[in-house]
Amino acid sequence: MEQTNKMEQYELGYHIRPPHGLLNDPNGLVYYKGIYHVFYQWNQTDTTHQSKSWGHMTTKDFIRWETHQPALEPIDWYDRDGCYSGSAVVFEEKMYVFYTGNVRGKNGERKSYQCLAISEDGIHFEKKGPVLEHPIKGYTAHVRDPKVWQGKDGNWWMILGAQKEETLTGDALMYQSTNLIDWSLTGSLMDEPLSLGYMWECPDVLRFDDKDVFAFSPQGLTAEGEKYNNIYQSGYFTGELCDNGKFIRDHQPFKELDYGFEFYAPQTFKDTGGRTILYAWVGVMEPKLEAAVPTRKSGWLHALSIPREVTYEKGKLIQYPIAETTHLRETKSVVSKSIQDESFTLSSLQQDILVEWDAAATDFIIYLRNEIEINYQASNKKITVVRTNWLTNVKEERTTFLTQDLMELRLLIESSMVEIFLNKGEEVFTLRYFTSEMNHSFNFKYLNRKVEKTITGYTLRSFIVKDKS
């Protein structure tokens, strides 16, 4: 976010990043008293995964933002080693924030406490301490990331990511409450036995008119061809959440939410207009790769994705930048309608570029800054994104397949991040990249048969940020 006139080489203008230190999971996403609140895991003093607080930003329009003092700090016996991830709800005009208090013993053993804090103004929070007992019989201390929502009958539900003690496999636990204070365990979210990684983090339940979705971030999946190629994954099952808190999944496999390199720990919330909005951490990576991220030299690390509206269509989740993203557009940087290859220079490294076809796209490759490659094969609707690993300097790629002909591709570009939306969000790729070149080139090249396309580019402004801390 631009706070001076001079942008750093890898600075981010319209993505949330920490003012200093390390950012990870989005937390407590909520619309409260006319304001959107975005919290995030924040190590204020270092770019390591230690001593997490809750960073806090607010906005009314997703363009102008205010930063506030951390909402939660790890200063109490039940969260002294970190105020870990959680969620927020509004009840009786108060904001109720639930989070995991992390405590480590002298020998490194972990204890987890599910904690509550309450705010009457959205800025100042009074901790109430743990609301759930631990340990839970049959589970390890890896129980965390409470997501809370109100059911159709007015009662409250909490879902927690967990790890079974006997099998060391992931699970999700469900709790119910009438008052947000007293909680009773109803059991596992699914009775169906699943072996899908060793831990399920950041569980979430999305409810649409005709379908329910269980989204979560399993750790420990083995790569299968084009799937599961990151250190950890984020994805979902579709199905039905029953009144007893059990989720009956459809006969569809686990579906990844994003096929890029760093997307992780997504969380959703609903605004008063009924939109389901998602943020994610960008993001999770191998420790050695994380240690080599160049922004650490400037004292900050990681960012959040652009907010995305999530809808359900024909068996899958669709993700697309929320409408307010278009308000970041300042000027049209390029407009071209032709059947030819295209080459142009980006007017800045904050761009929104839309490529549209009247008929189905044919084979092409896009080169962005001589660093990112986007390759499409029309015969099997295969899309591949390539970047250079900044630690090894070796090219690496991620791939998925569309179910429909490619008709639209949208790129949200920053100096060190790209989010790629295909067919208005049928599939998404999110990634960081770091190049020392000041190259601003954008090249579109057909690989065989050429068809008419329209390329429209917009220069985007940076967030306007006021520090109220």
Protein backbone atom coordinates (compact mmCIF):
# COMPACT_ATOMS: atom_id res chain seq x y z
CA MET A 1 0.00 0.00 0.00
CA GLU A 2 1.36 3.33 -1.03
CA GLN A 3 2.27 5.53 1.90
CA THR A 4 5.03 7.47 0.13
CA ASN A 5 5.31 8.60 -3.47
CA LYS A 6 8.12 6.18 -4.14
CA MET A 7 7.19 2.52 -4.54
CA GLU A 8 9.69 -0.09 -3.48
CA GLN A 9 10.74 -2.60 -6.10
CA TYR A 10 8.41 -5.32 -4.79
CA GLU A 11 5.86 -3.09 -3.10
CA LEU A 12 2.15 -3.89 -3.20
CA GLY A 13 -0.27 -1.07 -3.82
CA TYR A 14 -3.74 -2.61 -3.65
CA HIS A 15 -3.19 -5.80 -1.65
CA ILE A 16 -3.16 -5.83 2.15
CA ARG A 17 0.32 -6.43 3.50
CA PRO A 18 1.79 -5.79 6.95
CA PRO A 19 3.42 -2.42 7.66
CA HIS A 20 6.33 -4.48 8.99
CA GLY A 21 6.89 -8.03 10.15
CA LEU A 22 5.11 -11.16 8.93
CA LEU A 23 1.48 -11.58 7.89
CA ASN A 24 -0.36 -14.86 7.45
CA ASP A 25 -3.98 -16.08 7.75
CA PRO A 26 -6.88 -13.63 7.32
CA ASN A 27 -8.95 -13.61 10.50
CA GLY A 28 -12.24 -12.29 11.84
CA LEU A 29 -13.67 -11.07 8.54
CA VAL A 30 -16.90 -9.26 9.39
CA TYR A 31 -19.19 -6.37 8.43
CA TYR A 32 -19.98 -4.41 11.58
CA LYS A 33 -21.79 -1.10 12.01
CA GLY A 34 -21.32 -0.09 8.38
CA ILE A 35 -17.63 -1.01 8.22
CA TYR A 36 -15.72 -3.99 6.82
CA HIS A 37 -13.15 -5.39 9.26
CA VAL A 38 -10.16 -7.41 8.08
CA PHE A 39 -7.89 -8.94 10.71
CA TYR A 40 -4.80 -11.01 10.01
CA GLN A 41 -2.14 -13.03 11.78
CA TRP A 42 0.76 -10.67 12.45
CA ASN A 43 4.24 -11.04 13.91
CA GLN A 44 4.97 -7.38 14.57
CA THR A 45 8.66 -7.70 15.34
CA ASP A 46 10.12 -10.20 12.88
CA THR A 47 9.50 -12.04 9.60
CA THR A 48 9.22 -15.43 11.33
CA HIS A 49 6.20 -17.46 12.48
CA GLN A 50 6.39 -16.48 16.13
CA SER A 51 4.34 -14.44 18.61
CA LYS A 52 1.24 -13.81 16.50
CA SER A 53 -1.10 -10.89 17.15
CA TRP A 54 -4.20 -9.90 15.23
CA GLY A 55 -3.46 -7.04 12.83
CA HIS A 56 -6.51 -4.93 12.07
CA MET A 57 -7.69 -2.85 9.10
CA THR A 58 -11.08 -1.37 8.27
CA THR A 59 -12.77 0.08 5.20
CA LYS A 60 -16.16 1.22 3.95
CA ASP A 61 -15.40 0.85 0.25
CA PHE A 62 -12.31 -1.40 -0.16
CA ILE A 63 -10.41 1.63 -1.51
CA ARG A 64 -9.82 3.80 1.56
CA TRP A 65 -8.49 1.91 4.56
CA GLU A 66 -7.61 2.61 8.17
CA THR A 67 -5.05 0.66 10.16
CA HIS A 68 -5.61 0.21 13.88
CA GLN A 69 -3.77 -1.04 16.91
CA PRO A 70 -3.60 -4.86 17.00
CA ALA A 71 -6.95 -6.21 18.13
CA LEU A 72 -5.44 -9.10 20.10
CA GLU A 73 -1.99 -9.44 21.65
CA PRO A 74 -0.40 -12.64 23.09
CA ILE A 75 -0.09 -11.43 26.68
CA ASP A 76 -2.30 -13.80 28.69
CA TRP A 77 -1.67 -17.28 30.08
CA TYR A 78 -4.02 -18.89 27.53
CA ASP A 79 -2.48 -17.22 24.42
CA ARG A 80 1.03 -16.26 25.51
CA ASP A 81 2.68 -17.91 22.48
CA GLY A 82 0.27 -16.56 19.91
CA CYS A 83 -3.26 -15.37 19.26
CA TYR A 84 -3.89 -17.81 16.43
CA SER A 85 -6.54 -17.77 13.72
CA GLY A 86 -10.28 -17.39 14.21
CA SER A 87 -13.42 -15.58 13.14
CA ALA A 88 -15.92 -12.90 14.16
CA VAL A 89 -19.70 -12.57 14.32
CA VAL A 90 -22.11 -9.81 15.31
CA PHE A 91 -24.65 -10.44 18.07
CA GLU A 92 -26.76 -7.89 19.98
CA GLU A 93 -24.74 -5.04 18.39
CA LYS A 94 -21.45 -6.44 19.72
CA MET A 95 -18.61 -8.08 17.84
CA TYR A 96 -17.69 -11.52 19.17
CA VAL A 97 -14.21 -12.65 18.15
CA PHE A 98 -13.18 -16.29 18.53
CA TYR A 99 -9.55 -17.38 18.21
CA THR A 100 -7.10 -20.09 19.24
CA GLY A 101 -4.76 -19.28 22.09
CA ASN A 102 -1.44 -21.06 21.56
CA VAL A 103 0.68 -22.07 24.54
CA ARG A 104 3.95 -23.99 24.51
CA GLY A 105 5.30 -25.85 27.53
CA LYS A 106 8.91 -25.99 28.69
CA ASN A 107 9.59 -29.00 26.48
CA GLY A 108 7.77 -27.57 23.47
CA GLU A 109 4.51 -29.42 24.05
CA ARG A 110 1.48 -27.59 22.66
CA LYS A 111 -1.73 -26.56 24.36
CA SER A 112 -4.62 -24.98 22.47
CA TYR A 113 -7.42 -22.90 23.97
CA GLN A 114 -10.45 -21.66 22.02
CA CYS A 115 -10.91 -18.13 23.28
CA LEU A 116 -13.40 -15.26 23.07
CA ALA A 117 -13.00 -11.49 22.97
CA ILE A 118 -15.86 -8.98 22.71
CA SER A 119 -15.97 -5.45 21.30
CA GLU A 120 -18.71 -2.80 21.45
CA ASP A 121 -17.04 -0.46 18.96
CA GLY A 122 -15.04 -2.75 16.65
CA ILE A 123 -11.75 -1.21 17.80
CA HIS A 124 -11.26 -2.11 21.45
CA PHE A 125 -11.55 -5.75 22.51
CA GLU A 126 -12.07 -7.27 25.95
CA LYS A 127 -10.71 -10.77 26.27
CA LYS A 128 -12.98 -13.26 28.01
CA GLY A 129 -10.53 -16.16 27.97
CA PRO A 130 -11.15 -19.78 26.94
CA VAL A 131 -14.68 -20.95 26.17
CA LEU A 132 -13.79 -24.59 25.40
CA GLU A 133 -11.92 -27.14 27.45
CA HIS A 134 -8.84 -28.89 26.14
CA PRO A 135 -7.66 -31.59 25.62
CA ILE A 136 -10.54 -33.18 23.73
CA LYS A 137 -10.65 -36.94 24.11
CA GLY A 138 -9.42 -38.71 21.00
CA TYR A 139 -7.63 -35.67 19.56
CA THR A 140 -4.13 -34.22 19.73
CA ALA A 141 -3.42 -30.65 20.80
CA HIS A 142 -3.75 -29.65 17.13
CA VAL A 143 -7.25 -28.21 17.49
CA ARG A 144 -7.57 -24.66 16.20
CA ASP A 145 -9.04 -21.98 13.91
CA PRO A 146 -12.64 -21.57 15.14
CA LYS A 147 -15.14 -20.42 12.51
CA VAL A 148 -18.51 -19.36 13.95
CA TRP A 149 -21.85 -18.67 12.25
CA GLN A 150 -25.53 -18.54 13.12
CA GLY A 151 -27.74 -21.41 12.01
CA LYS A 152 -31.20 -21.18 10.47
CA ASP A 153 -32.83 -21.82 13.87
CA GLY A 154 -30.92 -18.98 15.54
CA ASN A 155 -28.46 -21.19 17.38
CA TRP A 156 -24.72 -20.77 16.83
CA TRP A 157 -22.26 -23.22 15.31
CA MET A 158 -18.50 -23.43 15.65
CA ILE A 159 -16.26 -25.58 13.46
CA LEU A 160 -12.67 -26.35 14.46
CA GLY A 161 -9.80 -27.89 12.54
CA ALA A 162 -8.42 -30.93 14.35
CA GLN A 163 -6.18 -33.98 14.27
CA LYS A 164 -7.27 -37.45 15.42
CA GLU A 165 -5.00 -38.92 18.05
CA GLU A 166 -5.11 -42.57 16.97
CA THR A 167 -4.59 -42.13 13.22
CA LEU A 168 -2.92 -38.69 13.12
CA THR A 169 -5.29 -37.66 10.34
CA GLY A 170 -7.25 -34.46 9.82
CA ASP A 171 -10.79 -33.88 11.03
CA ALA A 172 -13.25 -31.07 11.77
CA LEU A 173 -15.17 -30.78 15.04
CA MET A 174 -18.59 -29.16 15.45
CA TYR A 175 -19.90 -27.31 18.50
CA GLN A 176 -23.25 -25.68 19.18
CA SER A 177 -24.32 -22.80 21.44
CA THR A 178 -27.37 -20.67 22.18
CA ASN A 179 -25.46 -17.72 23.62
CA LEU A 180 -21.90 -17.78 22.13
CA ILE A 181 -20.53 -18.45 25.62
CA ASP A 182 -21.49 -22.02 26.49
CA TRP A 183 -20.60 -24.61 23.84
CA SER A 184 -21.38 -28.30 23.50
CA LEU A 185 -19.56 -30.75 21.24
CA THR A 186 -21.81 -32.44 18.67
CA GLY A 187 -19.02 -34.52 17.10
CA SER A 188 -17.11 -34.71 13.83
CA LEU A 189 -18.44 -32.74 10.90
CA MET A 190 -18.54 -35.91 8.79
CA ASP A 191 -19.21 -39.46 9.91
CA GLU A 192 -17.59 -40.69 6.70
CA PRO A 193 -13.99 -41.76 7.39
CA LEU A 194 -11.54 -39.78 5.28
CA SER A 195 -7.77 -39.91 5.09
CA LEU A 196 -6.98 -36.52 3.61
CA GLY A 197 -3.79 -35.24 5.19
CA TYR A 198 -2.61 -35.13 8.80
CA MET A 199 -4.29 -31.87 9.84
CA TRP A 200 -7.24 -29.76 8.62
CA GLU A 201 -6.66 -26.05 9.16
CA CYS A 202 -8.96 -23.04 8.71
CA PRO A 203 -12.29 -24.89 8.27
CA ASP A 204 -15.21 -22.89 6.87
CA VAL A 205 -18.81 -23.62 5.91
CA LEU A 206 -20.32 -21.67 3.01
CA ARG A 207 -24.10 -21.77 2.60
CA PHE A 208 -25.84 -21.05 -0.70
CA ASP A 209 -29.50 -21.37 -1.67
CA ASP A 210 -29.16 -24.83 -3.17
CA LYS A 211 -25.84 -26.13 -1.85
CA ASP A 212 -23.55 -26.12 1.18
CA VAL A 213 -19.77 -26.15 0.94
CA PHE A 214 -17.16 -27.30 3.43
CA ALA A 215 -13.88 -25.49 2.73
CA PHE A 216 -10.65 -26.26 4.58
CA SER A 217 -6.87 -26.41 4.25
CA PRO A 218 -5.52 -29.96 4.62
CA GLN A 219 -1.85 -30.43 5.37
CA GLY A 220 0.06 -33.48 4.16
CA LEU A 221 -1.53 -34.29 0.80
CA THR A 222 0.64 -36.18 -1.68
CA ALA A 223 0.95 -34.64 -5.14
CA GLU A 224 -1.16 -36.33 -7.83
CA GLY A 225 -0.19 -35.10 -11.29
CA GLU A 226 -1.38 -31.50 -11.59
CA LYS A 227 -3.03 -31.59 -8.15
CA TYR A 228 -1.65 -30.88 -4.68
CA ASN A 229 1.72 -29.52 -5.75
CA ASN A 230 2.15 -26.92 -3.02
CA ILE A 231 3.43 -27.57 0.48
CA TYR A 232 -0.19 -27.30 1.77
CA GLN A 233 -3.49 -27.04 -0.09
CA SER A 234 -6.84 -25.30 0.22
CA GLY A 235 -10.06 -26.68 -1.21
CA TYR A 236 -13.59 -27.89 -0.59
CA PHE A 237 -16.33 -30.48 -0.71
CA THR A 238 -19.89 -29.71 -1.82
CA GLY A 239 -22.89 -31.24 -0.08
CA GLU A 240 -25.48 -30.56 2.59
CA LEU A 241 -25.07 -29.38 6.16
CA CYS A 242 -27.81 -31.08 8.15
CA ASP A 243 -29.64 -29.60 11.14
CA ASN A 244 -27.68 -31.90 13.48
CA GLY A 245 -24.34 -30.42 12.36
CA LYS A 246 -23.38 -33.30 10.08
CA PHE A 247 -22.11 -32.61 6.55
CA ILE A 248 -23.16 -35.10 3.87
CA ARG A 249 -20.82 -34.59 0.95
CA ASP A 250 -21.68 -35.08 -2.69
CA HIS A 251 -19.92 -37.71 -4.72
CA GLN A 252 -17.30 -35.26 -5.91
CA PRO A 253 -13.61 -35.31 -5.01
CA PHE A 254 -11.81 -32.66 -3.00
CA LYS A 255 -11.50 -29.61 -5.28
CA GLU A 256 -8.68 -27.09 -4.93
CA LEU A 257 -9.75 -23.46 -4.66
CA ASP A 258 -6.72 -22.01 -6.41
CA TYR A 259 -4.14 -23.60 -8.72
CA GLY A 260 -1.34 -21.10 -8.18
CA PHE A 261 1.66 -21.43 -5.91
CA GLU A 262 0.91 -19.69 -2.60
CA PHE A 263 -2.84 -19.46 -1.93
CA TYR A 264 -3.75 -20.75 1.57
CA ALA A 265 -5.98 -20.39 4.66
CA PRO A 266 -8.98 -18.76 2.96
CA GLN A 267 -11.81 -17.36 5.06
CA THR A 268 -15.22 -16.09 3.97
CA PHE A 269 -17.94 -13.86 5.40
CA LYS A 270 -21.25 -12.45 4.23
CA ASP A 271 -22.03 -8.76 3.95
CA THR A 272 -25.46 -7.17 4.30
CA GLY A 273 -26.02 -7.53 0.57
CA GLY A 274 -25.73 -11.30 0.88
CA ARG A 275 -22.41 -11.55 -0.91
CA THR A 276 -19.99 -14.25 0.19
CA ILE A 277 -16.55 -12.58 0.21
CA LEU A 278 -13.26 -14.45 0.48
CA TYR A 279 -9.75 -13.44 1.49
CA ALA A 280 -6.74 -15.77 1.57
CA TRP A 281 -3.12 -15.65 2.64
CA VAL A 282 -0.53 -15.32 -0.15
CA GLY A 283 1.06 -17.20 1.15
CA VAL A 284 2.26 -20.51 2.31
CA MET A 285 5.58 -21.82 0.94
CA GLU A 286 8.49 -24.09 1.76
CA PRO A 287 10.57 -22.66 4.64
CA LYS A 288 13.72 -22.21 2.54
CA LEU A 289 11.76 -20.43 -0.17
CA GLU A 290 10.08 -18.20 2.40
CA ALA A 291 13.45 -17.31 3.92
CA ALA A 292 14.60 -16.13 0.48
CA VAL A 293 11.66 -13.78 -0.23
CA PRO A 294 13.31 -10.44 -1.10
CA THR A 295 10.86 -8.26 0.85
CA ARG A 296 12.35 -9.59 4.09
CA LYS A 297 15.23 -7.17 3.46
CA SER A 298 12.65 -4.39 3.68
CA GLY A 299 11.26 -5.81 6.91
CA TRP A 300 7.95 -7.27 5.73
CA LEU A 301 6.66 -10.60 4.44
CA HIS A 302 3.50 -11.90 2.73
CA ALA A 303 0.12 -10.40 1.85
CA LEU A 304 -3.59 -11.14 1.47
CA SER A 305 -5.35 -11.87 -1.80
CA ILE A 306 -7.70 -9.39 -3.41
CA PRO A 307 -11.21 -9.86 -1.94
CA ARG A 308 -13.24 -12.22 -4.11
CA GLU A 309 -16.97 -12.74 -4.35
CA VAL A 310 -17.71 -16.46 -4.20
CA THR A 311 -20.75 -18.02 -5.84
CA TYR A 312 -21.86 -21.58 -6.48
CA GLU A 313 -22.54 -22.67 -10.06
CA LYS A 314 -22.98 -26.14 -11.54
CA GLY A 315 -21.15 -28.10 -8.88
CA LYS A 316 -18.25 -25.74 -8.16
CA LEU A 317 -17.27 -22.49 -6.50
CA ILE A 318 -16.71 -19.47 -8.73
CA GLN A 319 -14.33 -16.75 -7.48
CA TYR A 320 -14.09 -13.28 -9.00
CA PRO A 321 -12.79 -9.93 -7.73
CA ILE A 322 -15.51 -8.05 -5.88
CA ALA A 323 -17.17 -5.27 -7.86
CA GLU A 324 -15.40 -2.59 -5.84
CA THR A 325 -12.12 -3.66 -7.45
CA THR A 326 -13.12 -1.78 -10.60
CA HIS A 327 -13.13 1.44 -8.56
CA LEU A 328 -9.35 1.11 -8.34
CA ARG A 329 -9.15 1.73 -12.08
CA GLU A 330 -7.70 5.13 -12.92
CA THR A 331 -7.02 5.18 -16.66
CA LYS A 332 -7.24 2.81 -19.59
CA SER A 333 -3.66 1.84 -20.34
CA VAL A 334 -4.42 -0.18 -23.47
CA VAL A 335 -7.34 -1.07 -25.71
CA SER A 336 -6.83 -3.41 -28.64
CA LYS A 337 -9.22 -5.47 -30.73
CA SER A 338 -7.44 -7.54 -33.33
CA ILE A 339 -6.56 -10.96 -34.68
CA GLN A 340 -2.85 -10.30 -34.33
CA ASP A 341 -0.21 -10.97 -31.69
CA GLU A 342 0.24 -8.06 -29.30
CA SER A 343 3.17 -6.44 -27.50
CA PHE A 344 3.01 -3.39 -25.31
CA THR A 345 4.63 -1.80 -22.28
CA LEU A 346 2.63 -1.60 -19.06
CA SER A 347 2.20 2.00 -17.92
CA SER A 348 2.75 0.85 -14.33
CA LEU A 349 3.07 -2.40 -12.39
CA GLN A 350 -0.44 -2.00 -10.97
CA GLN A 351 -2.71 -3.26 -13.72
CA ASP A 352 -6.08 -4.85 -14.37
CA ILE A 353 -5.91 -6.53 -17.79
CA LEU A 354 -8.88 -8.20 -19.45
CA VAL A 355 -8.58 -10.47 -22.49
CA GLU A 356 -11.89 -11.44 -24.12
CA TRP A 357 -12.83 -13.62 -27.10
CA ASP A 358 -16.07 -13.52 -29.08
CA ALA A 359 -15.49 -17.14 -30.00
CA ALA A 360 -13.47 -19.75 -28.11
CA ALA A 361 -9.81 -18.91 -27.52
CA THR A 362 -7.22 -20.84 -29.49
CA ASP A 363 -3.71 -21.81 -28.35
CA PHE A 364 -1.70 -18.87 -27.03
CA ILE A 365 1.02 -17.86 -24.61
CA ILE A 366 1.28 -14.66 -22.58
CA TYR A 367 4.65 -13.40 -21.38
CA LEU A 368 4.48 -10.95 -18.46
CA ARG A 369 7.67 -9.02 -17.74
CA ASN A 370 9.70 -11.88 -19.26
CA GLU A 371 9.03 -13.62 -15.93
CA ILE A 372 5.50 -15.07 -15.92
CA GLU A 373 4.18 -17.34 -18.70
CA ILE A 374 0.52 -18.24 -19.18
CA ASN A 375 0.05 -21.04 -21.70
CA TYR A 376 -3.32 -22.24 -23.04
CA GLN A 377 -3.98 -25.39 -25.09
CA ALA A 378 -7.48 -25.28 -26.57
CA SER A 379 -7.69 -28.98 -27.52
CA ASN A 380 -7.91 -30.09 -23.89
CA LYS A 381 -8.63 -26.69 -22.28
CA LYS A 382 -5.34 -26.90 -20.40
CA ILE A 383 -3.97 -23.79 -18.71
CA THR A 384 -0.40 -23.68 -17.36
CA VAL A 385 1.28 -20.88 -15.42
CA VAL A 386 5.09 -20.74 -15.23
CA ARG A 387 7.36 -18.62 -13.04
CA THR A 388 10.98 -18.65 -11.88
CA ASN A 389 11.65 -19.96 -8.39
CA TRP A 390 13.54 -17.09 -6.71
CA LEU A 391 15.57 -19.48 -4.53
CA THR A 392 16.69 -22.02 -7.14
CA ASN A 393 16.29 -19.86 -10.26
CA VAL A 394 14.56 -22.84 -11.90
CA LYS A 395 11.30 -22.58 -13.86
CA GLU A 396 8.30 -24.14 -12.11
CA GLU A 397 4.70 -24.51 -13.21
CA ARG A 398 1.14 -25.15 -12.09
CA THR A 399 -1.59 -26.56 -14.34
CA THR A 400 -5.32 -27.19 -14.40
CA PHE A 401 -8.05 -27.87 -16.95
CA LEU A 402 -11.15 -25.83 -17.72
CA THR A 403 -14.52 -27.48 -18.23
CA GLN A 404 -15.61 -24.87 -20.79
CA ASP A 405 -13.92 -23.11 -23.71
CA LEU A 406 -11.85 -20.15 -22.57
CA MET A 407 -13.74 -16.92 -23.27
CA GLU A 408 -12.20 -14.52 -20.75
CA LEU A 409 -8.93 -14.09 -18.87
CA ARG A 410 -8.41 -11.37 -16.26
CA LEU A 411 -5.06 -10.47 -14.71
CA LEU A 412 -4.64 -8.42 -11.55
CA ILE A 413 -0.97 -7.48 -11.61
CA GLU A 414 1.35 -5.99 -9.00
CA SER A 415 5.12 -5.67 -8.91
CA SER A 416 5.44 -9.01 -7.07
CA MET A 417 2.00 -10.65 -7.22
CA VAL A 418 -0.41 -11.83 -9.90
CA GLU A 419 -3.96 -13.16 -9.59
CA ILE A 420 -5.32 -14.84 -12.73
CA PHE A 421 -9.06 -15.41 -13.23
CA LEU A 422 -10.29 -17.62 -16.07
CA ASN A 423 -13.84 -17.55 -17.42
CA LYS A 424 -14.97 -15.07 -14.77
CA GLY A 425 -13.58 -17.22 -11.98
CA GLU A 426 -14.12 -20.79 -13.15
CA GLU A 427 -10.48 -21.35 -12.19
CA VAL A 428 -7.95 -19.10 -10.43
CA PHE A 429 -4.17 -18.94 -10.08
CA THR A 430 -2.52 -16.80 -7.39
CA LEU A 431 1.24 -16.36 -7.12
CA ARG A 432 4.11 -14.22 -5.94
CA TYR A 433 7.05 -13.53 -8.24
CA PHE A 434 10.25 -11.53 -7.90
CA THR A 435 12.30 -10.19 -10.76
CA SER A 436 15.16 -7.72 -10.51
CA GLU A 437 14.48 -6.51 -14.05
CA MET A 438 12.51 -3.29 -14.45
CA ASN A 439 10.86 -4.80 -17.52
CA HIS A 440 7.21 -3.77 -17.93
CA SER A 441 6.45 -5.77 -21.06
CA PHE A 442 3.25 -7.66 -21.86
CA ASN A 443 3.29 -9.99 -24.86
CA PHE A 444 0.42 -12.03 -26.27
CA LYS A 445 1.32 -14.60 -28.93
CA TYR A 446 -0.88 -17.08 -30.77
CA LEU A 447 0.70 -20.49 -31.19
CA ASN A 448 -1.23 -21.52 -34.34
CA ARG A 449 -4.67 -20.41 -35.53
CA LYS A 450 -5.47 -16.80 -34.71
CA VAL A 451 -8.91 -15.54 -33.69
CA GLU A 452 -10.13 -12.08 -32.84
CA LYS A 453 -9.67 -10.96 -29.25
CA THR A 454 -10.03 -7.76 -27.26
CA ILE A 455 -7.41 -6.67 -24.72
CA THR A 456 -8.36 -3.91 -22.29
CA GLY A 457 -5.93 -2.72 -19.65
CA TYR A 458 -6.41 -0.35 -16.73
CA THR A 459 -3.85 1.31 -14.49
CA LEU A 460 -4.88 0.79 -10.86
CA ARG A 461 -4.45 3.16 -7.98
CA SER A 462 -3.03 2.15 -4.62
CA PHE A 463 -5.12 1.88 -1.50
CA ILE A 464 -5.46 5.10 0.46
CA VAL A 465 -4.32 4.15 3.96
CA LYS A 466 -4.63 6.12 7.17
CA ASP A 467 -2.86 4.94 10.28
CA LYS A 468 -5.13 5.21 13.34
CA SER A 469 -2.88 3.10 15.54
